[in-house]
Amino acid sequence: MLHYFTCISALPHVEKAIASLDEAKLNYQKQQYEHSLKVSDYQTLMQKQQEQINSLQTQLDKVDEELEQLTSVYSPYRGKVRRVKILGQNEGRITAEVTLDIRDGR
């Protein structure tokens, strides 16, 4: 009889343990879901950043190409450049006025 009574009195503890286990399982599943959302958000962010990097690299390459096509202008006079005044721009050409100081001949 004592054995039967012990099993009956242990039943609420077992049910409580099962309920705790079920709650722990739900919490674990919730954490897994939240983690998968974070991973997905991170992957999306990394993809967007990579697209931005690719876009910036393309822009940089274009600027480098344009810089290579620029023409240097040489002056028949030696001196220091004192002022550069941009007069205008038309179809990719810039018109500028350059003031040289040629007093010292350097």
PDB file of N, CA and C in Angstrom:
ATOM      1  N   MET A   1       0.812  -1.178   0.000  1.00  0.00           N
ATOM      2  CA  MET A   1       0.000   0.000   0.000  1.00  0.00           C
ATOM      3  C   MET A   1       0.867   1.258   0.000  1.00  0.00           C
ATOM      4  N   LEU A   2       1.946   1.223   0.704  1.00  0.00           N
ATOM      5  CA  LEU A   2       2.829   2.377   0.788  1.00  0.00           C
ATOM      6  C   LEU A   2       3.397   2.704  -0.593  1.00  0.00           C
ATOM      7  N   HIS A   3       3.701   1.706  -1.367  1.00  0.00           N
ATOM      8  CA  HIS A   3       4.253   1.905  -2.704  1.00  0.00           C
ATOM      9  C   HIS A   3       3.240   2.606  -3.606  1.00  0.00           C
ATOM     10  N   TYR A   4       1.998   2.228  -3.573  1.00  0.00           N
ATOM     11  CA  TYR A   4       0.940   2.845  -4.367  1.00  0.00           C
ATOM     12  C   TYR A   4       0.759   4.303  -3.972  1.00  0.00           C
ATOM     13  N   PHE A   5       0.810   4.597  -2.688  1.00  0.00           N
ATOM     14  CA  PHE A   5       0.643   5.951  -2.188  1.00  0.00           C
ATOM     15  C   PHE A   5       1.805   6.847  -2.658  1.00  0.00           C
ATOM     16  N   THR A   6       3.019   6.311  -2.677  1.00  0.00           N
ATOM     17  CA  THR A   6       4.190   7.057  -3.122  1.00  0.00           C
ATOM     18  C   THR A   6       4.063   7.413  -4.586  1.00  0.00           C
ATOM     19  N   CYS A   7       3.557   6.505  -5.420  1.00  0.00           N
ATOM     20  CA  CYS A   7       3.388   6.766  -6.851  1.00  0.00           C
ATOM     21  C   CYS A   7       2.334   7.847  -7.070  1.00  0.00           C
ATOM     22  N   ILE A   8       1.248   7.804  -6.309  1.00  0.00           N
ATOM     23  CA  ILE A   8       0.191   8.808  -6.457  1.00  0.00           C
ATOM     24  C   ILE A   8       0.707  10.182  -6.033  1.00  0.00           C
ATOM     25  N   SER A   9       1.483  10.258  -4.968  1.00  0.00           N
ATOM     26  CA  SER A   9       1.981  11.545  -4.502  1.00  0.00           C
ATOM     27  C   SER A   9       3.074  12.088  -5.426  1.00  0.00           C
ATOM     28  N   ALA A  10       3.741  11.224  -6.196  1.00  0.00           N
ATOM     29  CA  ALA A  10       4.781  11.662  -7.125  1.00  0.00           C
ATOM     30  C   ALA A  10       4.178  12.140  -8.437  1.00  0.00           C
ATOM     31  N   LEU A  11       2.937  11.791  -8.720  1.00  0.00           N
ATOM     32  CA  LEU A  11       2.282  12.146  -9.974  1.00  0.00           C
ATOM     33  C   LEU A  11       2.259  13.650 -10.227  1.00  0.00           C
ATOM     34  N   PRO A  12       1.896  14.492  -9.263  1.00  0.00           N
ATOM     35  CA  PRO A  12       1.927  15.940  -9.531  1.00  0.00           C
ATOM     36  C   PRO A  12       3.334  16.437  -9.866  1.00  0.00           C
ATOM     37  N   HIS A  13       4.368  15.863  -9.259  1.00  0.00           N
ATOM     38  CA  HIS A  13       5.749  16.273  -9.564  1.00  0.00           C
ATOM     39  C   HIS A  13       6.132  15.888 -10.988  1.00  0.00           C
ATOM     40  N   VAL A  14       5.682  14.709 -11.409  1.00  0.00           N
ATOM     41  CA  VAL A  14       5.970  14.256 -12.767  1.00  0.00           C
ATOM     42  C   VAL A  14       5.253  15.144 -13.770  1.00  0.00           C
ATOM     43  N   GLU A  15       3.984  15.454 -13.501  1.00  0.00           N
ATOM     44  CA  GLU A  15       3.221  16.318 -14.400  1.00  0.00           C
ATOM     45  C   GLU A  15       3.849  17.712 -14.474  1.00  0.00           C
ATOM     46  N   LYS A  16       4.330  18.201 -13.346  1.00  0.00           N
ATOM     47  CA  LYS A  16       4.984  19.508 -13.321  1.00  0.00           C
ATOM     48  C   LYS A  16       6.291  19.455 -14.122  1.00  0.00           C
ATOM     49  N   ALA A  17       7.024  18.373 -14.005  1.00  0.00           N
ATOM     50  CA  ALA A  17       8.275  18.216 -14.746  1.00  0.00           C
ATOM     51  C   ALA A  17       8.007  18.147 -16.246  1.00  0.00           C
ATOM     52  N   ILE A  18       6.945  17.439 -16.628  1.00  0.00           N
ATOM     53  CA  ILE A  18       6.571  17.337 -18.044  1.00  0.00           C
ATOM     54  C   ILE A  18       6.175  18.706 -18.572  1.00  0.00           C
ATOM     55  N   ALA A  19       5.412  19.463 -17.795  1.00  0.00           N
ATOM     56  CA  ALA A  19       5.003  20.805 -18.197  1.00  0.00           C
ATOM     57  C   ALA A  19       6.236  21.706 -18.353  1.00  0.00           C
ATOM     58  N   SER A  20       7.183  21.594 -17.444  1.00  0.00           N
ATOM     59  CA  SER A  20       8.414  22.386 -17.530  1.00  0.00           C
ATOM     60  C   SER A  20       9.215  22.009 -18.772  1.00  0.00           C
ATOM     61  N   LEU A  21       9.256  20.702 -19.053  1.00  0.00           N
ATOM     62  CA  LEU A  21       9.964  20.239 -20.245  1.00  0.00           C
ATOM     63  C   LEU A  21       9.300  20.771 -21.504  1.00  0.00           C
ATOM     64  N   ASP A  22       7.968  20.721 -21.564  1.00  0.00           N
ATOM     65  CA  ASP A  22       7.245  21.248 -22.728  1.00  0.00           C
ATOM     66  C   ASP A  22       7.498  22.748 -22.899  1.00  0.00           C
ATOM     67  N   GLU A  23       7.511  23.473 -21.784  1.00  0.00           N
ATOM     68  CA  GLU A  23       7.779  24.915 -21.844  1.00  0.00           C
ATOM     69  C   GLU A  23       9.200  25.177 -22.333  1.00  0.00           C
ATOM     70  N   ALA A  24      10.136  24.369 -21.876  1.00  0.00           N
ATOM     71  CA  ALA A  24      11.528  24.524 -22.308  1.00  0.00           C
ATOM     72  C   ALA A  24      11.661  24.237 -23.803  1.00  0.00           C
ATOM     73  N   LYS A  25      10.936  23.224 -24.296  1.00  0.00           N
ATOM     74  CA  LYS A  25      10.958  22.906 -25.720  1.00  0.00           C
ATOM     75  C   LYS A  25      10.415  24.073 -26.536  1.00  0.00           C
ATOM     76  N   LEU A  26       9.308  24.666 -26.077  1.00  0.00           N
ATOM     77  CA  LEU A  26       8.724  25.813 -26.784  1.00  0.00           C
ATOM     78  C   LEU A  26       9.692  26.996 -26.793  1.00  0.00           C
ATOM     79  N   ASN A  27      10.326  27.250 -25.656  1.00  0.00           N
ATOM     80  CA  ASN A  27      11.309  28.341 -25.589  1.00  0.00           C
ATOM     81  C   ASN A  27      12.475  28.086 -26.546  1.00  0.00           C
ATOM     82  N   TYR A  28      12.926  26.838 -26.607  1.00  0.00           N
ATOM     83  CA  TYR A  28      14.023  26.489 -27.498  1.00  0.00           C
ATOM     84  C   TYR A  28      13.612  26.697 -28.954  1.00  0.00           C
ATOM     85  N   GLN A  29      12.407  26.258 -29.314  1.00  0.00           N
ATOM     86  CA  GLN A  29      11.920  26.444 -30.681  1.00  0.00           C
ATOM     87  C   GLN A  29      11.791  27.932 -31.013  1.00  0.00           C
ATOM     88  N   LYS A  30      11.344  28.710 -30.050  1.00  0.00           N
ATOM     89  CA  LYS A  30      11.227  30.160 -30.244  1.00  0.00           C
ATOM     90  C   LYS A  30      12.601  30.771 -30.472  1.00  0.00           C
ATOM     91  N   GLN A  31      13.594  30.352 -29.686  1.00  0.00           N
ATOM     92  CA  GLN A  31      14.952  30.858 -29.839  1.00  0.00           C
ATOM     93  C   GLN A  31      15.540  30.468 -31.196  1.00  0.00           C
ATOM     94  N   GLN A  32      15.254  29.228 -31.617  1.00  0.00           N
ATOM     95  CA  GLN A  32      15.731  28.797 -32.930  1.00  0.00           C
ATOM     96  C   GLN A  32      15.112  29.655 -34.039  1.00  0.00           C
ATOM     97  N   TYR A  33      13.826  29.932 -33.938  1.00  0.00           N
ATOM     98  CA  TYR A  33      13.137  30.748 -34.937  1.00  0.00           C
ATOM     99  C   TYR A  33      13.710  32.162 -34.953  1.00  0.00           C
ATOM    100  N   GLU A  34      13.890  32.762 -33.776  1.00  0.00           N
ATOM    101  CA  GLU A  34      14.444  34.114 -33.696  1.00  0.00           C
ATOM    102  C   GLU A  34      15.865  34.149 -34.257  1.00  0.00           C
ATOM    103  N   HIS A  35      16.620  33.104 -33.979  1.00  0.00           N
ATOM    104  CA  HIS A  35      17.984  33.039 -34.510  1.00  0.00           C
ATOM    105  C   HIS A  35      17.965  32.941 -36.038  1.00  0.00           C
ATOM    106  N   SER A  36      17.080  32.128 -36.573  1.00  0.00           N
ATOM    107  CA  SER A  36      17.007  31.996 -38.033  1.00  0.00           C
ATOM    108  C   SER A  36      16.591  33.324 -38.673  1.00  0.00           C
ATOM    109  N   LEU A  37      15.724  34.087 -38.003  1.00  0.00           N
ATOM    110  CA  LEU A  37      15.358  35.409 -38.512  1.00  0.00           C
ATOM    111  C   LEU A  37      16.566  36.343 -38.516  1.00  0.00           C
ATOM    112  N   LYS A  38      17.332  36.303 -37.440  1.00  0.00           N
ATOM    113  CA  LYS A  38      18.531  37.147 -37.359  1.00  0.00           C
ATOM    114  C   LYS A  38      19.540  36.769 -38.436  1.00  0.00           C
ATOM    115  N   VAL A  39      19.727  35.478 -38.651  1.00  0.00           N
ATOM    116  CA  VAL A  39      20.658  35.017 -39.686  1.00  0.00           C
ATOM    117  C   VAL A  39      20.179  35.488 -41.056  1.00  0.00           C
ATOM    118  N   SER A  40      18.892  35.375 -41.296  1.00  0.00           N
ATOM    119  CA  SER A  40      18.326  35.811 -42.570  1.00  0.00           C
ATOM    120  C   SER A  40      18.509  37.311 -42.766  1.00  0.00           C
ATOM    121  N   ASP A  41      18.238  38.090 -41.719  1.00  0.00           N
ATOM    122  CA  ASP A  41      18.431  39.538 -41.792  1.00  0.00           C
ATOM    123  C   ASP A  41      19.893  39.880 -42.054  1.00  0.00           C
ATOM    124  N   TYR A  42      20.794  39.173 -41.386  1.00  0.00           N
ATOM    125  CA  TYR A  42      22.228  39.404 -41.565  1.00  0.00           C
ATOM    126  C   TYR A  42      22.648  39.093 -42.996  1.00  0.00           C
ATOM    127  N   GLN A  43      22.157  37.972 -43.526  1.00  0.00           N
ATOM    128  CA  GLN A  43      22.501  37.601 -44.898  1.00  0.00           C
ATOM    129  C   GLN A  43      21.978  38.636 -45.892  1.00  0.00           C
ATOM    130  N   THR A  44      20.768  39.139 -45.656  1.00  0.00           N
ATOM    131  CA  THR A  44      20.207  40.175 -46.518  1.00  0.00           C
ATOM    132  C   THR A  44      21.054  41.438 -46.452  1.00  0.00           C
ATOM    133  N   LEU A  45      21.456  41.815 -45.242  1.00  0.00           N
ATOM    134  CA  LEU A  45      22.302  42.993 -45.062  1.00  0.00           C
ATOM    135  C   LEU A  45      23.630  42.814 -45.778  1.00  0.00           C
ATOM    136  N   MET A  46      24.245  41.651 -45.650  1.00  0.00           N
ATOM    137  CA  MET A  46      25.522  41.392 -46.314  1.00  0.00           C
ATOM    138  C   MET A  46      25.373  41.452 -47.828  1.00  0.00           C
ATOM    139  N   GLN A  47      24.256  40.947 -48.338  1.00  0.00           N
ATOM    140  CA  GLN A  47      24.016  40.983 -49.779  1.00  0.00           C
ATOM    141  C   GLN A  47      23.868  42.426 -50.254  1.00  0.00           C
ATOM    142  N   LYS A  48      23.130  43.246 -49.498  1.00  0.00           N
ATOM    143  CA  LYS A  48      22.964  44.655 -49.867  1.00  0.00           C
ATOM    144  C   LYS A  48      24.304  45.385 -49.820  1.00  0.00           C
ATOM    145  N   GLN A  49      25.106  45.100 -48.801  1.00  0.00           N
ATOM    146  CA  GLN A  49      26.412  45.739 -48.705  1.00  0.00           C
ATOM    147  C   GLN A  49      27.308  45.320 -49.863  1.00  0.00           C
ATOM    148  N   GLN A  50      27.248  44.062 -50.251  1.00  0.00           N
ATOM    149  CA  GLN A  50      28.049  43.598 -51.384  1.00  0.00           C
ATOM    150  C   GLN A  50      27.604  44.281 -52.665  1.00  0.00           C
ATOM    151  N   GLU A  51      26.299  44.466 -52.837  1.00  0.00           N
ATOM    152  CA  GLU A  51      25.792  45.176 -54.010  1.00  0.00           C
ATOM    153  C   GLU A  51      26.277  46.622 -54.013  1.00  0.00           C
ATOM    154  N   GLN A  52      26.294  47.264 -52.836  1.00  0.00           N
ATOM    155  CA  GLN A  52      26.799  48.633 -52.744  1.00  0.00           C
ATOM    156  C   GLN A  52      28.283  48.688 -53.075  1.00  0.00           C
ATOM    157  N   ILE A  53      29.036  47.716 -52.570  1.00  0.00           N
ATOM    158  CA  ILE A  53      30.469  47.660 -52.863  1.00  0.00           C
ATOM    159  C   ILE A  53      30.683  47.494 -54.363  1.00  0.00           C
ATOM    160  N   ASN A  54      29.925  46.604 -54.982  1.00  0.00           N
ATOM    161  CA  ASN A  54      30.050  46.390 -56.423  1.00  0.00           C
ATOM    162  C   ASN A  54      29.717  47.659 -57.194  1.00  0.00           C
ATOM    163  N   SER A  55      28.662  48.352 -56.762  1.00  0.00           N
ATOM    164  CA  SER A  55      28.268  49.597 -57.425  1.00  0.00           C
ATOM    165  C   SER A  55      29.355  50.651 -57.279  1.00  0.00           C
ATOM    166  N   LEU A  56      29.893  50.789 -56.076  1.00  0.00           N
ATOM    167  CA  LEU A  56      30.959  51.768 -55.852  1.00  0.00           C
ATOM    168  C   LEU A  56      32.213  51.412 -56.647  1.00  0.00           C
ATOM    169  N   GLN A  57      32.521  50.121 -56.735  1.00  0.00           N
ATOM    170  CA  GLN A  57      33.690  49.705 -57.513  1.00  0.00           C
ATOM    171  C   GLN A  57      33.486  50.035 -58.982  1.00  0.00           C
ATOM    172  N   THR A  58      32.275  49.832 -59.488  1.00  0.00           N
ATOM    173  CA  THR A  58      31.966  50.173 -60.875  1.00  0.00           C
ATOM    174  C   THR A  58      32.132  51.670 -61.104  1.00  0.00           C
ATOM    175  N   GLN A  59      31.630  52.478 -60.164  1.00  0.00           N
ATOM    176  CA  GLN A  59      31.777  53.929 -60.277  1.00  0.00           C
ATOM    177  C   GLN A  59      33.249  54.328 -60.236  1.00  0.00           C
ATOM    178  N   LEU A  60      34.012  53.703 -59.337  1.00  0.00           N
ATOM    179  CA  LEU A  60      35.441  54.000 -59.233  1.00  0.00           C
ATOM    180  C   LEU A  60      36.167  53.641 -60.527  1.00  0.00           C
ATOM    181  N   ASP A  61      35.844  52.492 -61.094  1.00  0.00           N
ATOM    182  CA  ASP A  61      36.457  52.080 -62.356  1.00  0.00           C
ATOM    183  C   ASP A  61      36.152  53.091 -63.459  1.00  0.00           C
ATOM    184  N   LYS A  62      34.910  53.578 -63.482  1.00  0.00           N
ATOM    185  CA  LYS A  62      34.510  54.564 -64.498  1.00  0.00           C
ATOM    186  C   LYS A  62      35.294  55.861 -64.319  1.00  0.00           C
ATOM    187  N   VAL A  63      35.444  56.310 -63.071  1.00  0.00           N
ATOM    188  CA  VAL A  63      36.205  57.529 -62.805  1.00  0.00           C
ATOM    189  C   VAL A  63      37.666  57.331 -63.198  1.00  0.00           C
ATOM    190  N   ASP A  64      38.229  56.168 -62.881  1.00  0.00           N
ATOM    191  CA  ASP A  64      39.612  55.884 -63.272  1.00  0.00           C
ATOM    192  C   ASP A  64      39.783  55.941 -64.788  1.00  0.00           C
ATOM    193  N   GLU A  65      38.824  55.380 -65.521  1.00  0.00           N
ATOM    194  CA  GLU A  65      38.878  55.420 -66.984  1.00  0.00           C
ATOM    195  C   GLU A  65      38.815  56.856 -67.480  1.00  0.00           C
ATOM    196  N   GLU A  66      37.934  57.658 -66.886  1.00  0.00           N
ATOM    197  CA  GLU A  66      37.815  59.054 -67.294  1.00  0.00           C
ATOM    198  C   GLU A  66      39.084  59.835 -66.971  1.00  0.00           C
ATOM    199  N   LEU A  67      39.709  59.528 -65.840  1.00  0.00           N
ATOM    200  CA  LEU A  67      40.966  60.200 -65.484  1.00  0.00           C
ATOM    201  C   LEU A  67      42.073  59.869 -66.479  1.00  0.00           C
ATOM    202  N   GLU A  68      42.085  58.641 -66.955  1.00  0.00           N
ATOM    203  CA  GLU A  68      43.096  58.243 -67.931  1.00  0.00           C
ATOM    204  C   GLU A  68      42.920  58.987 -69.251  1.00  0.00           C
ATOM    205  N   GLN A  69      41.693  59.402 -69.554  1.00  0.00           N
ATOM    206  CA  GLN A  69      41.417  60.082 -70.817  1.00  0.00           C
ATOM    207  C   GLN A  69      41.635  61.586 -70.739  1.00  0.00           C
ATOM    208  N   LEU A  70      41.860  62.107 -69.541  1.00  0.00           N
ATOM    209  CA  LEU A  70      42.085  63.539 -69.404  1.00  0.00           C
ATOM    210  C   LEU A  70      43.393  63.932 -70.070  1.00  0.00           C
ATOM    211  N   THR A  71      43.421  65.133 -70.589  1.00  0.00           N
ATOM    212  CA  THR A  71      44.602  65.641 -71.261  1.00  0.00           C
ATOM    213  C   THR A  71      45.330  66.608 -70.338  1.00  0.00           C
ATOM    214  N   SER A  72      46.623  66.481 -70.291  1.00  0.00           N
ATOM    215  CA  SER A  72      47.426  67.425 -69.523  1.00  0.00           C
ATOM    216  C   SER A  72      47.745  68.619 -70.403  1.00  0.00           C
ATOM    217  N   VAL A  73      47.803  69.765 -69.780  1.00  0.00           N
ATOM    218  CA  VAL A  73      48.123  70.987 -70.504  1.00  0.00           C
ATOM    219  C   VAL A  73      49.467  71.484 -69.992  1.00  0.00           C
ATOM    220  N   TYR A  74      50.369  71.763 -70.901  1.00  0.00           N
ATOM    221  CA  TYR A  74      51.679  72.268 -70.532  1.00  0.00           C
ATOM    222  C   TYR A  74      51.783  73.727 -70.954  1.00  0.00           C
ATOM    223  N   SER A  75      52.405  74.499 -70.102  1.00  0.00           N
ATOM    224  CA  SER A  75      52.578  75.919 -70.370  1.00  0.00           C
ATOM    225  C   SER A  75      53.956  76.155 -70.977  1.00  0.00           C
ATOM    226  N   PRO A  76      54.050  77.108 -71.895  1.00  0.00           N
ATOM    227  CA  PRO A  76      55.379  77.446 -72.431  1.00  0.00           C
ATOM    228  C   PRO A  76      56.201  78.259 -71.427  1.00  0.00           C
ATOM    229  N   TYR A  77      55.598  78.609 -70.307  1.00  0.00           N
ATOM    230  CA  TYR A  77      56.281  79.417 -69.303  1.00  0.00           C
ATOM    231  C   TYR A  77      56.465  78.605 -68.023  1.00  0.00           C
ATOM    232  N   ARG A  78      57.597  78.846 -67.359  1.00  0.00           N
ATOM    233  CA  ARG A  78      57.830  78.224 -66.055  1.00  0.00           C
ATOM    234  C   ARG A  78      57.351  79.200 -64.996  1.00  0.00           C
ATOM    235  N   GLY A  79      56.701  78.701 -63.995  1.00  0.00           N
ATOM    236  CA  GLY A  79      56.236  79.552 -62.921  1.00  0.00           C
ATOM    237  C   GLY A  79      55.332  78.785 -61.978  1.00  0.00           C
ATOM    238  N   LYS A  80      54.792  79.527 -61.035  1.00  0.00           N
ATOM    239  CA  LYS A  80      53.885  78.931 -60.056  1.00  0.00           C
ATOM    240  C   LYS A  80      52.450  79.266 -60.432  1.00  0.00           C
ATOM    241  N   VAL A  81      51.584  78.299 -60.295  1.00  0.00           N
ATOM    242  CA  VAL A  81      50.163  78.532 -60.538  1.00  0.00           C
ATOM    243  C   VAL A  81      49.620  79.291 -59.333  1.00  0.00           C
ATOM    244  N   ARG A  82      49.062  80.456 -59.595  1.00  0.00           N
ATOM    245  CA  ARG A  82      48.515  81.284 -58.519  1.00  0.00           C
ATOM    246  C   ARG A  82      47.000  81.140 -58.411  1.00  0.00           C
ATOM    247  N   ARG A  83      46.348  80.937 -59.560  1.00  0.00           N
ATOM    248  CA  ARG A  83      44.898  80.870 -59.520  1.00  0.00           C
ATOM    249  C   ARG A  83      44.406  80.059 -60.708  1.00  0.00           C
ATOM    250  N   VAL A  84      43.353  79.273 -60.448  1.00  0.00           N
ATOM    251  CA  VAL A  84      42.663  78.562 -61.513  1.00  0.00           C
ATOM    252  C   VAL A  84      41.198  78.964 -61.424  1.00  0.00           C
ATOM    253  N   LYS A  85      40.676  79.535 -62.513  1.00  0.00           N
ATOM    254  CA  LYS A  85      39.286  79.978 -62.540  1.00  0.00           C
ATOM    255  C   LYS A  85      38.556  79.162 -63.604  1.00  0.00           C
ATOM    256  N   ILE A  86      37.524  78.446 -63.180  1.00  0.00           N
ATOM    257  CA  ILE A  86      36.730  77.651 -64.111  1.00  0.00           C
ATOM    258  C   ILE A  86      35.757  78.590 -64.814  1.00  0.00           C
ATOM    259  N   LEU A  87      35.851  78.644 -66.141  1.00  0.00           N
ATOM    260  CA  LEU A  87      35.001  79.540 -66.930  1.00  0.00           C
ATOM    261  C   LEU A  87      33.714  78.860 -67.390  1.00  0.00           C
ATOM    262  N   GLY A  88      33.776  77.560 -67.565  1.00  0.00           N
ATOM    263  CA  GLY A  88      32.575  76.851 -68.001  1.00  0.00           C
ATOM    264  C   GLY A  88      32.857  75.398 -68.305  1.00  0.00           C
ATOM    265  N   GLN A  89      31.762  74.693 -68.599  1.00  0.00           N
ATOM    266  CA  GLN A  89      31.883  73.275 -68.928  1.00  0.00           C
ATOM    267  C   GLN A  89      30.872  72.977 -70.011  1.00  0.00           C
ATOM    268  N   ASN A  90      31.320  72.222 -71.034  1.00  0.00           N
ATOM    269  CA  ASN A  90      30.432  71.899 -72.138  1.00  0.00           C
ATOM    270  C   ASN A  90      30.816  70.526 -72.678  1.00  0.00           C
ATOM    271  N   GLU A  91      29.874  69.585 -72.649  1.00  0.00           N
ATOM    272  CA  GLU A  91      30.070  68.241 -73.204  1.00  0.00           C
ATOM    273  C   GLU A  91      31.357  67.584 -72.711  1.00  0.00           C
ATOM    274  N   GLY A  92      31.571  67.609 -71.413  1.00  0.00           N
ATOM    275  CA  GLY A  92      32.728  66.940 -70.847  1.00  0.00           C
ATOM    276  C   GLY A  92      34.019  67.737 -70.943  1.00  0.00           C
ATOM    277  N   ARG A  93      33.967  68.941 -71.490  1.00  0.00           N
ATOM    278  CA  ARG A  93      35.151  69.796 -71.578  1.00  0.00           C
ATOM    279  C   ARG A  93      35.014  70.934 -70.575  1.00  0.00           C
ATOM    280  N   ILE A  94      36.087  71.198 -69.894  1.00  0.00           N
ATOM    281  CA  ILE A  94      36.106  72.280 -68.912  1.00  0.00           C
ATOM    282  C   ILE A  94      37.006  73.380 -69.462  1.00  0.00           C
ATOM    283  N   THR A  95      36.507  74.599 -69.452  1.00  0.00           N
ATOM    284  CA  THR A  95      37.299  75.751 -69.860  1.00  0.00           C
ATOM    285  C   THR A  95      37.754  76.470 -68.600  1.00  0.00           C
ATOM    286  N   ALA A  96      39.065  76.673 -68.500  1.00  0.00           N
ATOM    287  CA  ALA A  96      39.616  77.270 -67.290  1.00  0.00           C
ATOM    288  C   ALA A  96      40.613  78.365 -67.654  1.00  0.00           C
ATOM    289  N   GLU A  97      40.747  79.300 -66.748  1.00  0.00           N
ATOM    290  CA  GLU A  97      41.747  80.363 -66.870  1.00  0.00           C
ATOM    291  C   GLU A  97      42.777  80.136 -65.773  1.00  0.00           C
ATOM    292  N   VAL A  98      44.042  80.017 -66.166  1.00  0.00           N
ATOM    293  CA  VAL A  98      45.111  79.742 -65.217  1.00  0.00           C
ATOM    294  C   VAL A  98      46.014  80.964 -65.134  1.00  0.00           C
ATOM    295  N   THR A  99      46.242  81.435 -63.917  1.00  0.00           N
ATOM    296  CA  THR A  99      47.131  82.580 -63.703  1.00  0.00           C
ATOM    297  C   THR A  99      48.456  82.068 -63.175  1.00  0.00           C
ATOM    298  N   LEU A 100      49.553  82.401 -63.900  1.00  0.00           N
ATOM    299  CA  LEU A 100      50.889  81.965 -63.522  1.00  0.00           C
ATOM    300  C   LEU A 100      51.682  83.137 -62.980  1.00  0.00           C
ATOM    301  N   ASP A 101      52.521  82.854 -62.007  1.00  0.00           N
ATOM    302  CA  ASP A 101      53.480  83.832 -61.507  1.00  0.00           C
ATOM    303  C   ASP A 101      54.832  83.423 -62.049  1.00  0.00           C
ATOM    304  N   ILE A 102      55.347  84.178 -63.021  1.00  0.00           N
ATOM    305  CA  ILE A 102      56.600  83.805 -63.677  1.00  0.00           C
ATOM    306  C   ILE A 102      57.740  84.761 -63.307  1.00  0.00           C
ATOM    307  N   ARG A 103      57.582  85.522 -62.256  1.00  0.00           N
ATOM    308  CA  ARG A 103      58.576  86.524 -61.852  1.00  0.00           C
ATOM    309  C   ARG A 103      59.938  85.904 -61.574  1.00  0.00           C
ATOM    310  N   ASP A 104      59.955  84.798 -60.817  1.00  0.00           N
ATOM    311  CA  ASP A 104      61.228  84.190 -60.436  1.00  0.00           C
ATOM    312  C   ASP A 104      61.749  83.217 -61.482  1.00  0.00           C
ATOM    313  N   GLY A 105      60.903  82.858 -62.412  1.00  0.00           N
ATOM    314  CA  GLY A 105      61.315  81.923 -63.444  1.00  0.00           C
ATOM    315  C   GLY A 105      61.384  80.479 -62.955  1.00  0.00           C
ATOM    316  N   ARG A 106      60.786  80.212 -61.819  1.00  0.00           N
ATOM    317  CA  ARG A 106      60.805  78.844 -61.271  1.00  0.00           C
ATOM    318  C   ARG A 106      59.547  78.128 -61.588  1.00  0.00           C
TER     319      ARG A 106
END
